[in-house]
Amino acid sequence: MNSQIKKKIKGAIGNQVIKERMFCQSCQQDKDVEINFSKEKVICQSCSIGYPISDETYNSFYKELNKLGIY
């Protein structure tokens, strides 16, 4: 993962926690999760297990921020 993309996303989002429905690696199904970019963790609301934010998730947020004209 490009460290500049990670840095830009952290700068744009800051300490906000984003709630989203995503695939939980532990539960093996879509669940409500919290994405915390300052801690670089995705935390499942069902099982409470945290795991690193994937490159795919970073790229997805980067594309969305790009569409909004932030970058």
N, C-alpha and C. Protein backbone atom coordinates (compact mmCIF):
# COMPACT_ATOMS: atom_id res chain seq x y z
N MET A 1 0.85 -1.18 0.00
CA MET A 1 0.00 0.00 0.00
C MET A 1 0.89 1.23 0.00
N ASN A 2 0.51 2.17 -0.77
CA ASN A 2 1.24 3.42 -0.86
C ASN A 2 1.07 4.20 0.44
N SER A 3 2.18 4.49 1.10
CA SER A 3 2.11 5.18 2.40
C SER A 3 1.57 6.60 2.24
N GLN A 4 1.72 7.21 1.07
CA GLN A 4 1.18 8.55 0.85
C GLN A 4 -0.35 8.53 0.85
N ILE A 5 -0.93 7.47 0.30
CA ILE A 5 -2.40 7.36 0.30
C ILE A 5 -2.89 7.22 1.73
N LYS A 6 -2.23 6.36 2.52
CA LYS A 6 -2.61 6.20 3.92
C LYS A 6 -2.52 7.53 4.66
N LYS A 7 -1.45 8.26 4.42
CA LYS A 7 -1.24 9.54 5.09
C LYS A 7 -2.33 10.56 4.70
N LYS A 8 -2.69 10.58 3.41
CA LYS A 8 -3.72 11.50 2.94
C LYS A 8 -5.08 11.18 3.56
N ILE A 9 -5.41 9.89 3.63
CA ILE A 9 -6.69 9.50 4.20
C ILE A 9 -6.74 9.84 5.67
N LYS A 10 -5.67 9.55 6.40
CA LYS A 10 -5.63 9.89 7.82
C LYS A 10 -5.76 11.40 8.02
N GLY A 11 -5.15 12.18 7.13
CA GLY A 11 -5.24 13.63 7.22
C GLY A 11 -6.65 14.14 6.96
N ALA A 12 -7.33 13.52 6.00
CA ALA A 12 -8.68 13.96 5.64
C ALA A 12 -9.72 13.51 6.65
N ILE A 13 -9.56 12.32 7.18
CA ILE A 13 -10.57 11.76 8.08
C ILE A 13 -10.24 12.04 9.54
N GLY A 14 -8.95 12.14 9.85
CA GLY A 14 -8.53 12.44 11.22
C GLY A 14 -8.88 11.32 12.18
N ASN A 15 -9.40 11.69 13.34
CA ASN A 15 -9.71 10.71 14.39
C ASN A 15 -11.14 10.20 14.33
N GLN A 16 -11.86 10.54 13.27
CA GLN A 16 -13.23 10.08 13.15
C GLN A 16 -13.28 8.57 12.98
N VAL A 17 -14.29 7.98 13.55
CA VAL A 17 -14.54 6.55 13.37
C VAL A 17 -15.70 6.41 12.41
N ILE A 18 -15.50 5.64 11.36
CA ILE A 18 -16.52 5.48 10.33
C ILE A 18 -17.21 4.15 10.53
N LYS A 19 -18.54 4.19 10.58
CA LYS A 19 -19.33 2.96 10.72
C LYS A 19 -19.81 2.56 9.34
N GLU A 20 -19.61 1.30 9.03
CA GLU A 20 -19.95 0.79 7.70
C GLU A 20 -20.26 -0.69 7.80
N ARG A 21 -20.94 -1.19 6.79
CA ARG A 21 -21.20 -2.63 6.72
C ARG A 21 -20.14 -3.23 5.81
N MET A 22 -19.36 -4.16 6.37
CA MET A 22 -18.27 -4.78 5.63
C MET A 22 -18.18 -6.25 6.00
N PHE A 23 -17.38 -6.96 5.25
CA PHE A 23 -17.14 -8.37 5.52
C PHE A 23 -16.19 -8.49 6.71
N CYS A 24 -16.62 -9.22 7.74
CA CYS A 24 -15.78 -9.46 8.92
C CYS A 24 -14.98 -10.74 8.68
N GLN A 25 -13.67 -10.64 8.83
CA GLN A 25 -12.81 -11.79 8.61
C GLN A 25 -13.05 -12.88 9.64
N SER A 26 -13.44 -12.48 10.84
CA SER A 26 -13.66 -13.46 11.91
C SER A 26 -15.02 -14.14 11.79
N CYS A 27 -16.07 -13.34 11.59
CA CYS A 27 -17.43 -13.88 11.48
C CYS A 27 -17.69 -14.54 10.13
N GLN A 28 -16.89 -14.18 9.13
CA GLN A 28 -17.02 -14.70 7.77
C GLN A 28 -18.35 -14.32 7.13
N GLN A 29 -18.83 -13.11 7.45
CA GLN A 29 -20.03 -12.57 6.80
C GLN A 29 -20.06 -11.06 6.96
N ASP A 30 -20.97 -10.41 6.23
CA ASP A 30 -21.10 -8.96 6.34
C ASP A 30 -21.65 -8.59 7.70
N LYS A 31 -20.98 -7.65 8.34
CA LYS A 31 -21.37 -7.17 9.67
C LYS A 31 -21.16 -5.67 9.74
N ASP A 32 -21.77 -5.03 10.73
CA ASP A 32 -21.50 -3.63 11.00
C ASP A 32 -20.13 -3.53 11.67
N VAL A 33 -19.28 -2.67 11.12
CA VAL A 33 -17.94 -2.51 11.67
C VAL A 33 -17.65 -1.03 11.88
N GLU A 34 -16.65 -0.75 12.69
CA GLU A 34 -16.12 0.60 12.85
C GLU A 34 -14.72 0.61 12.25
N ILE A 35 -14.48 1.60 11.38
CA ILE A 35 -13.16 1.74 10.78
C ILE A 35 -12.48 2.92 11.46
N ASN A 36 -11.37 2.65 12.12
CA ASN A 36 -10.63 3.67 12.84
C ASN A 36 -9.28 3.85 12.14
N PHE A 37 -9.18 4.91 11.33
CA PHE A 37 -7.97 5.13 10.56
C PHE A 37 -6.80 5.57 11.43
N SER A 38 -7.07 6.23 12.55
CA SER A 38 -5.95 6.64 13.41
C SER A 38 -5.30 5.44 14.08
N LYS A 39 -6.08 4.39 14.35
CA LYS A 39 -5.53 3.17 14.94
C LYS A 39 -5.25 2.10 13.88
N GLU A 40 -5.62 2.41 12.63
CA GLU A 40 -5.46 1.49 11.50
C GLU A 40 -6.12 0.14 11.78
N LYS A 41 -7.35 0.18 12.32
CA LYS A 41 -8.08 -1.04 12.68
C LYS A 41 -9.51 -0.98 12.17
N VAL A 42 -10.03 -2.17 11.83
CA VAL A 42 -11.44 -2.38 11.56
C VAL A 42 -11.94 -3.24 12.72
N ILE A 43 -12.98 -2.79 13.40
CA ILE A 43 -13.48 -3.52 14.57
C ILE A 43 -14.93 -3.94 14.31
N CYS A 44 -15.16 -5.23 14.34
CA CYS A 44 -16.49 -5.79 14.13
C CYS A 44 -17.36 -5.50 15.35
N GLN A 45 -18.60 -5.07 15.13
CA GLN A 45 -19.51 -4.78 16.22
C GLN A 45 -20.14 -6.04 16.80
N SER A 46 -20.08 -7.16 16.08
CA SER A 46 -20.64 -8.40 16.59
C SER A 46 -19.66 -9.17 17.46
N CYS A 47 -18.45 -9.38 16.94
CA CYS A 47 -17.48 -10.20 17.67
C CYS A 47 -16.42 -9.38 18.40
N SER A 48 -16.37 -8.07 18.14
CA SER A 48 -15.42 -7.13 18.76
C SER A 48 -13.96 -7.40 18.43
N ILE A 49 -13.71 -8.20 17.41
CA ILE A 49 -12.33 -8.47 17.01
C ILE A 49 -11.88 -7.39 16.04
N GLY A 50 -10.68 -6.88 16.28
CA GLY A 50 -10.11 -5.86 15.41
C GLY A 50 -9.06 -6.47 14.51
N TYR A 51 -8.99 -5.98 13.29
CA TYR A 51 -7.99 -6.44 12.35
C TYR A 51 -7.53 -5.26 11.51
N PRO A 52 -6.36 -5.35 10.90
CA PRO A 52 -5.82 -4.22 10.14
C PRO A 52 -6.71 -3.83 8.96
N ILE A 53 -6.69 -2.55 8.63
CA ILE A 53 -7.43 -2.06 7.47
C ILE A 53 -6.73 -2.58 6.21
N SER A 54 -7.50 -3.16 5.32
CA SER A 54 -6.92 -3.73 4.10
C SER A 54 -6.58 -2.62 3.10
N ASP A 55 -5.67 -2.95 2.20
CA ASP A 55 -5.31 -2.03 1.12
C ASP A 55 -6.54 -1.70 0.28
N GLU A 56 -7.40 -2.68 0.09
CA GLU A 56 -8.63 -2.48 -0.69
C GLU A 56 -9.52 -1.41 -0.05
N THR A 57 -9.60 -1.43 1.27
CA THR A 57 -10.41 -0.44 1.99
C THR A 57 -9.80 0.95 1.85
N TYR A 58 -8.48 1.04 2.01
CA TYR A 58 -7.81 2.33 1.82
C TYR A 58 -8.06 2.87 0.41
N ASN A 59 -7.91 2.00 -0.60
CA ASN A 59 -8.11 2.43 -1.99
C ASN A 59 -9.55 2.87 -2.22
N SER A 60 -10.50 2.17 -1.63
CA SER A 60 -11.91 2.53 -1.77
C SER A 60 -12.18 3.92 -1.20
N PHE A 61 -11.67 4.19 0.00
CA PHE A 61 -11.86 5.51 0.60
C PHE A 61 -11.14 6.59 -0.18
N TYR A 62 -9.97 6.28 -0.70
CA TYR A 62 -9.23 7.24 -1.50
C TYR A 62 -10.02 7.63 -2.75
N LYS A 63 -10.62 6.63 -3.41
CA LYS A 63 -11.42 6.91 -4.60
C LYS A 63 -12.63 7.77 -4.26
N GLU A 64 -13.29 7.47 -3.14
CA GLU A 64 -14.45 8.26 -2.73
C GLU A 64 -14.07 9.70 -2.41
N LEU A 65 -12.96 9.89 -1.69
CA LEU A 65 -12.49 11.24 -1.39
C LEU A 65 -12.09 11.98 -2.66
N ASN A 66 -11.54 11.26 -3.61
CA ASN A 66 -11.16 11.83 -4.89
C ASN A 66 -12.39 12.32 -5.64
N LYS A 67 -13.48 11.51 -5.63
CA LYS A 67 -14.73 11.90 -6.30
C LYS A 67 -15.31 13.18 -5.69
N LEU A 68 -15.12 13.34 -4.37
CA LEU A 68 -15.63 14.52 -3.69
C LEU A 68 -14.75 15.74 -3.91
N GLY A 69 -13.63 15.55 -4.61
CA GLY A 69 -12.74 16.67 -4.92
C GLY A 69 -11.78 17.02 -3.80
N ILE A 70 -11.61 16.13 -2.85
CA ILE A 70 -10.70 16.41 -1.74
C ILE A 70 -9.26 16.29 -2.20
N TYR A 71 -9.00 15.42 -3.18
CA TYR A 71 -7.64 15.27 -3.73
C TYR A 71 -7.64 15.56 -5.20
